[in-house]
Amino acid sequence: MDPLTLCSLFCNTITIVQAAVQTTAALKELYDSATGFSTAHKRIRTEVDLLETISTDLTGAQAKLESCPQQDQLAKVGDECGTIAKQIRIVLDKCKIDSVGPRPLAVAKAWIKSKTRASEIEELKLGIEACQRRLGLAITAALR
């Protein structure tokens, strides 16, 4: 076997082992989770909960903001935040471990769903971050 082929085989083996270790760690984390969510998904849900709370509080405070010239902008940003929060909550709930069937099978299904929806989750995370920035700007403008 020539040295280049040997090096290529070695690198491929290392890549496969690394992927197996990462997958095993992710599956174990999900298996041990009491909530049915991975640590990353728990963190996202915490941000979503906070964003929904702020959006709800902002919607409830509309009567108090009638004299504020930025009331319409605040309401619009609040609604956008609420919409994005609901969308990401739906996606994360689909990636949660089901309580139906054997736990190892449910964990594997949740992991696969999480991997297949990773790009959608990332896109929604970017939406949340943009919404948080717009909300901060709208609140800052309203406080002037």
C-alpha atoms as a PDB file:
ATOM      1  CA  MET A   1       0.000   0.000   0.000  1.00  0.00           C
ATOM      2  CA  ASP A   2       1.490   3.343  -0.976  1.00  0.00           C
ATOM      3  CA  PRO A   3       1.911   6.065   1.695  1.00  0.00           C
ATOM      4  CA  LEU A   4      -0.736   8.374   0.246  1.00  0.00           C
ATOM      5  CA  THR A   5      -3.410   5.662   0.307  1.00  0.00           C
ATOM      6  CA  LEU A   6      -2.404   4.703   3.845  1.00  0.00           C
ATOM      7  CA  CYS A   7      -2.664   8.335   4.993  1.00  0.00           C
ATOM      8  CA  SER A   8      -6.071   8.676   3.326  1.00  0.00           C
ATOM      9  CA  LEU A   9      -7.326   5.493   4.980  1.00  0.00           C
ATOM     10  CA  PHE A  10      -6.042   6.685   8.365  1.00  0.00           C
ATOM     11  CA  CYS A  11      -7.768  10.093   7.988  1.00  0.00           C
ATOM     12  CA  ASN A  12     -11.037   8.464   6.943  1.00  0.00           C
ATOM     13  CA  THR A  13     -10.889   6.146   9.945  1.00  0.00           C
ATOM     14  CA  ILE A  14     -10.284   9.080  12.288  1.00  0.00           C
ATOM     15  CA  THR A  15     -13.236  10.953  10.762  1.00  0.00           C
ATOM     16  CA  ILE A  16     -15.553   7.969  11.200  1.00  0.00           C
ATOM     17  CA  VAL A  17     -14.460   7.453  14.813  1.00  0.00           C
ATOM     18  CA  GLN A  18     -14.926  11.152  15.579  1.00  0.00           C
ATOM     19  CA  ALA A  19     -18.449  11.130  14.100  1.00  0.00           C
ATOM     20  CA  ALA A  20     -19.317   8.004  16.090  1.00  0.00           C
ATOM     21  CA  VAL A  21     -18.071   9.547  19.339  1.00  0.00           C
ATOM     22  CA  GLN A  22     -20.018  12.784  18.740  1.00  0.00           C
ATOM     23  CA  THR A  23     -23.178  10.882  17.854  1.00  0.00           C
ATOM     24  CA  THR A  24     -22.864   8.664  20.920  1.00  0.00           C
ATOM     25  CA  ALA A  25     -22.367  11.700  23.167  1.00  0.00           C
ATOM     26  CA  ALA A  26     -25.415  13.430  21.674  1.00  0.00           C
ATOM     27  CA  LEU A  27     -27.563  10.302  22.067  1.00  0.00           C
ATOM     28  CA  LYS A  28     -26.447   9.851  25.681  1.00  0.00           C
ATOM     29  CA  GLU A  29     -27.224  13.488  26.431  1.00  0.00           C
ATOM     30  CA  LEU A  30     -30.720  13.061  25.007  1.00  0.00           C
ATOM     31  CA  TYR A  31     -31.206   9.758  26.814  1.00  0.00           C
ATOM     32  CA  ASP A  32     -30.262  11.332  30.165  1.00  0.00           C
ATOM     33  CA  SER A  33     -32.397  14.434  29.576  1.00  0.00           C
ATOM     34  CA  ALA A  34     -35.359  14.753  31.907  1.00  0.00           C
ATOM     35  CA  THR A  35     -37.114  17.252  29.639  1.00  0.00           C
ATOM     36  CA  GLY A  36     -36.608  15.397  26.369  1.00  0.00           C
ATOM     37  CA  PHE A  37     -34.525  18.223  24.884  1.00  0.00           C
ATOM     38  CA  SER A  38     -30.810  18.500  24.259  1.00  0.00           C
ATOM     39  CA  THR A  39     -28.858  21.197  26.106  1.00  0.00           C
ATOM     40  CA  ALA A  40     -28.773  23.398  23.000  1.00  0.00           C
ATOM     41  CA  HIS A  41     -32.521  23.062  22.506  1.00  0.00           C
ATOM     42  CA  LYS A  42     -33.155  23.848  26.190  1.00  0.00           C
ATOM     43  CA  ARG A  43     -31.099  27.028  25.807  1.00  0.00           C
ATOM     44  CA  ILE A  44     -33.083  28.026  22.703  1.00  0.00           C
ATOM     45  CA  ARG A  45     -36.375  27.328  24.493  1.00  0.00           C
ATOM     46  CA  THR A  46     -35.284  29.560  27.380  1.00  0.00           C
ATOM     47  CA  GLU A  47     -34.628  32.403  24.941  1.00  0.00           C
ATOM     48  CA  VAL A  48     -37.960  31.741  23.223  1.00  0.00           C
ATOM     49  CA  ASP A  49     -39.791  31.795  26.565  1.00  0.00           C
ATOM     50  CA  LEU A  50     -38.184  35.144  27.422  1.00  0.00           C
ATOM     51  CA  LEU A  51     -39.010  36.543  23.995  1.00  0.00           C
ATOM     52  CA  GLU A  52     -42.638  35.395  24.279  1.00  0.00           C
ATOM     53  CA  THR A  53     -42.907  36.967  27.738  1.00  0.00           C
ATOM     54  CA  ILE A  54     -41.563  40.277  26.449  1.00  0.00           C
ATOM     55  CA  SER A  55     -43.855  40.129  23.422  1.00  0.00           C
ATOM     56  CA  THR A  56     -46.891  39.404  25.602  1.00  0.00           C
ATOM     57  CA  ASP A  57     -45.972  42.174  28.055  1.00  0.00           C
ATOM     58  CA  LEU A  58     -45.479  44.575  25.172  1.00  0.00           C
ATOM     59  CA  THR A  59     -48.850  43.685  23.666  1.00  0.00           C
ATOM     60  CA  GLY A  60     -50.500  44.123  27.061  1.00  0.00           C
ATOM     61  CA  ALA A  61     -48.888  47.523  27.541  1.00  0.00           C
ATOM     62  CA  GLN A  62     -50.268  48.984  24.286  1.00  0.00           C
ATOM     63  CA  ALA A  63     -52.984  50.927  26.122  1.00  0.00           C
ATOM     64  CA  LYS A  64     -50.325  52.628  28.239  1.00  0.00           C
ATOM     65  CA  LEU A  65     -48.244  53.516  25.165  1.00  0.00           C
ATOM     66  CA  GLU A  66     -50.912  55.497  23.298  1.00  0.00           C
ATOM     67  CA  SER A  67     -48.976  58.738  23.731  1.00  0.00           C
ATOM     68  CA  CYS A  68     -45.760  57.128  22.436  1.00  0.00           C
ATOM     69  CA  PRO A  69     -45.077  57.939  18.765  1.00  0.00           C
ATOM     70  CA  GLN A  70     -43.344  54.567  18.301  1.00  0.00           C
ATOM     71  CA  GLN A  71     -46.349  52.580  19.513  1.00  0.00           C
ATOM     72  CA  ASP A  72     -47.039  51.099  16.079  1.00  0.00           C
ATOM     73  CA  GLN A  73     -43.411  50.078  15.615  1.00  0.00           C
ATOM     74  CA  LEU A  74     -43.296  48.474  19.060  1.00  0.00           C
ATOM     75  CA  ALA A  75     -46.509  46.576  18.358  1.00  0.00           C
ATOM     76  CA  LYS A  76     -45.199  45.374  14.994  1.00  0.00           C
ATOM     77  CA  VAL A  77     -41.880  44.176  16.445  1.00  0.00           C
ATOM     78  CA  GLY A  78     -43.687  42.549  19.373  1.00  0.00           C
ATOM     79  CA  ASP A  79     -45.947  40.632  17.000  1.00  0.00           C
ATOM     80  CA  GLU A  80     -42.953  39.512  14.900  1.00  0.00           C
ATOM     81  CA  CYS A  81     -41.188  38.277  18.026  1.00  0.00           C
ATOM     82  CA  GLY A  82     -44.262  36.346  19.100  1.00  0.00           C
ATOM     83  CA  THR A  83     -44.628  34.765  15.657  1.00  0.00           C
ATOM     84  CA  ILE A  84     -41.002  33.652  15.472  1.00  0.00           C
ATOM     85  CA  ALA A  85     -41.146  32.335  19.029  1.00  0.00           C
ATOM     86  CA  LYS A  86     -44.201  30.221  18.199  1.00  0.00           C
ATOM     87  CA  GLN A  87     -42.546  28.864  15.049  1.00  0.00           C
ATOM     88  CA  ILE A  88     -39.405  27.777  16.846  1.00  0.00           C
ATOM     89  CA  ARG A  89     -41.403  26.277  19.705  1.00  0.00           C
ATOM     90  CA  ILE A  90     -43.290  24.116  17.178  1.00  0.00           C
ATOM     91  CA  VAL A  91     -40.049  22.938  15.547  1.00  0.00           C
ATOM     92  CA  LEU A  92     -38.387  22.176  18.893  1.00  0.00           C
ATOM     93  CA  ASP A  93     -41.444  20.278  20.103  1.00  0.00           C
ATOM     94  CA  LYS A  94     -41.206  18.082  17.010  1.00  0.00           C
ATOM     95  CA  CYS A  95     -37.587  17.291  17.963  1.00  0.00           C
ATOM     96  CA  LYS A  96     -38.492  16.327  21.532  1.00  0.00           C
ATOM     97  CA  ILE A  97     -38.286  12.740  22.741  1.00  0.00           C
ATOM     98  CA  ASP A  98     -41.654  10.996  22.485  1.00  0.00           C
ATOM     99  CA  SER A  99     -42.823   9.088  25.520  1.00  0.00           C
ATOM    100  CA  VAL A 100     -44.242   6.372  23.274  1.00  0.00           C
ATOM    101  CA  GLY A 101     -42.295   3.142  22.886  1.00  0.00           C
ATOM    102  CA  PRO A 102     -38.901   2.097  24.198  1.00  0.00           C
ATOM    103  CA  ARG A 103     -36.719   5.005  25.318  1.00  0.00           C
ATOM    104  CA  PRO A 104     -33.661   4.125  23.174  1.00  0.00           C
ATOM    105  CA  LEU A 105     -35.813   4.104  20.046  1.00  0.00           C
ATOM    106  CA  ALA A 106     -37.485   7.381  21.023  1.00  0.00           C
ATOM    107  CA  VAL A 107     -34.070   8.961  21.637  1.00  0.00           C
ATOM    108  CA  ALA A 108     -32.823   7.830  18.233  1.00  0.00           C
ATOM    109  CA  LYS A 109     -35.941   9.235  16.536  1.00  0.00           C
ATOM    110  CA  ALA A 110     -35.569  12.566  18.351  1.00  0.00           C
ATOM    111  CA  TRP A 111     -31.899  12.778  17.373  1.00  0.00           C
ATOM    112  CA  ILE A 112     -32.707  12.089  13.716  1.00  0.00           C
ATOM    113  CA  LYS A 113     -35.497  14.689  13.735  1.00  0.00           C
ATOM    114  CA  SER A 114     -33.118  17.164  15.325  1.00  0.00           C
ATOM    115  CA  LYS A 115     -30.482  16.544  12.654  1.00  0.00           C
ATOM    116  CA  THR A 116     -32.955  16.793   9.775  1.00  0.00           C
ATOM    117  CA  ARG A 117     -34.373  20.063  11.131  1.00  0.00           C
ATOM    118  CA  ALA A 118     -31.001  21.582  12.075  1.00  0.00           C
ATOM    119  CA  SER A 119     -30.992  24.079   9.212  1.00  0.00           C
ATOM    120  CA  GLU A 120     -34.551  25.164  10.014  1.00  0.00           C
ATOM    121  CA  ILE A 121     -33.617  25.635  13.676  1.00  0.00           C
ATOM    122  CA  GLU A 122     -30.538  27.666  12.720  1.00  0.00           C
ATOM    123  CA  GLU A 123     -32.620  29.868  10.422  1.00  0.00           C
ATOM    124  CA  LEU A 124     -35.165  30.474  13.174  1.00  0.00           C
ATOM    125  CA  LYS A 125     -32.366  31.216  15.661  1.00  0.00           C
ATOM    126  CA  LEU A 126     -31.102  33.914  13.302  1.00  0.00           C
ATOM    127  CA  GLY A 127     -34.653  35.241  13.133  1.00  0.00           C
ATOM    128  CA  ILE A 128     -34.833  35.362  16.919  1.00  0.00           C
ATOM    129  CA  GLU A 129     -31.544  37.237  17.134  1.00  0.00           C
ATOM    130  CA  ALA A 130     -32.657  39.750  14.509  1.00  0.00           C
ATOM    131  CA  CYS A 131     -35.983  40.180  16.276  1.00  0.00           C
ATOM    132  CA  GLN A 132     -34.238  40.761  19.597  1.00  0.00           C
ATOM    133  CA  ARG A 133     -32.071  43.470  18.008  1.00  0.00           C
ATOM    134  CA  ARG A 134     -35.106  45.149  16.407  1.00  0.00           C
ATOM    135  CA  LEU A 135     -36.970  44.971  19.695  1.00  0.00           C
ATOM    136  CA  GLY A 136     -34.051  46.572  21.523  1.00  0.00           C
ATOM    137  CA  LEU A 137     -33.868  49.350  18.953  1.00  0.00           C
ATOM    138  CA  ALA A 138     -37.619  49.934  19.064  1.00  0.00           C
ATOM    139  CA  ILE A 139     -37.596  50.143  22.857  1.00  0.00           C
ATOM    140  CA  THR A 140     -34.603  52.490  22.794  1.00  0.00           C
ATOM    141  CA  ALA A 141     -36.374  54.730  20.267  1.00  0.00           C
ATOM    142  CA  ALA A 142     -39.532  54.707  22.378  1.00  0.00           C
ATOM    143  CA  LEU A 143     -37.613  55.781  25.485  1.00  0.00           C
ATOM    144  CA  ARG A 144     -36.231  58.906  23.816  1.00  0.00           C
END
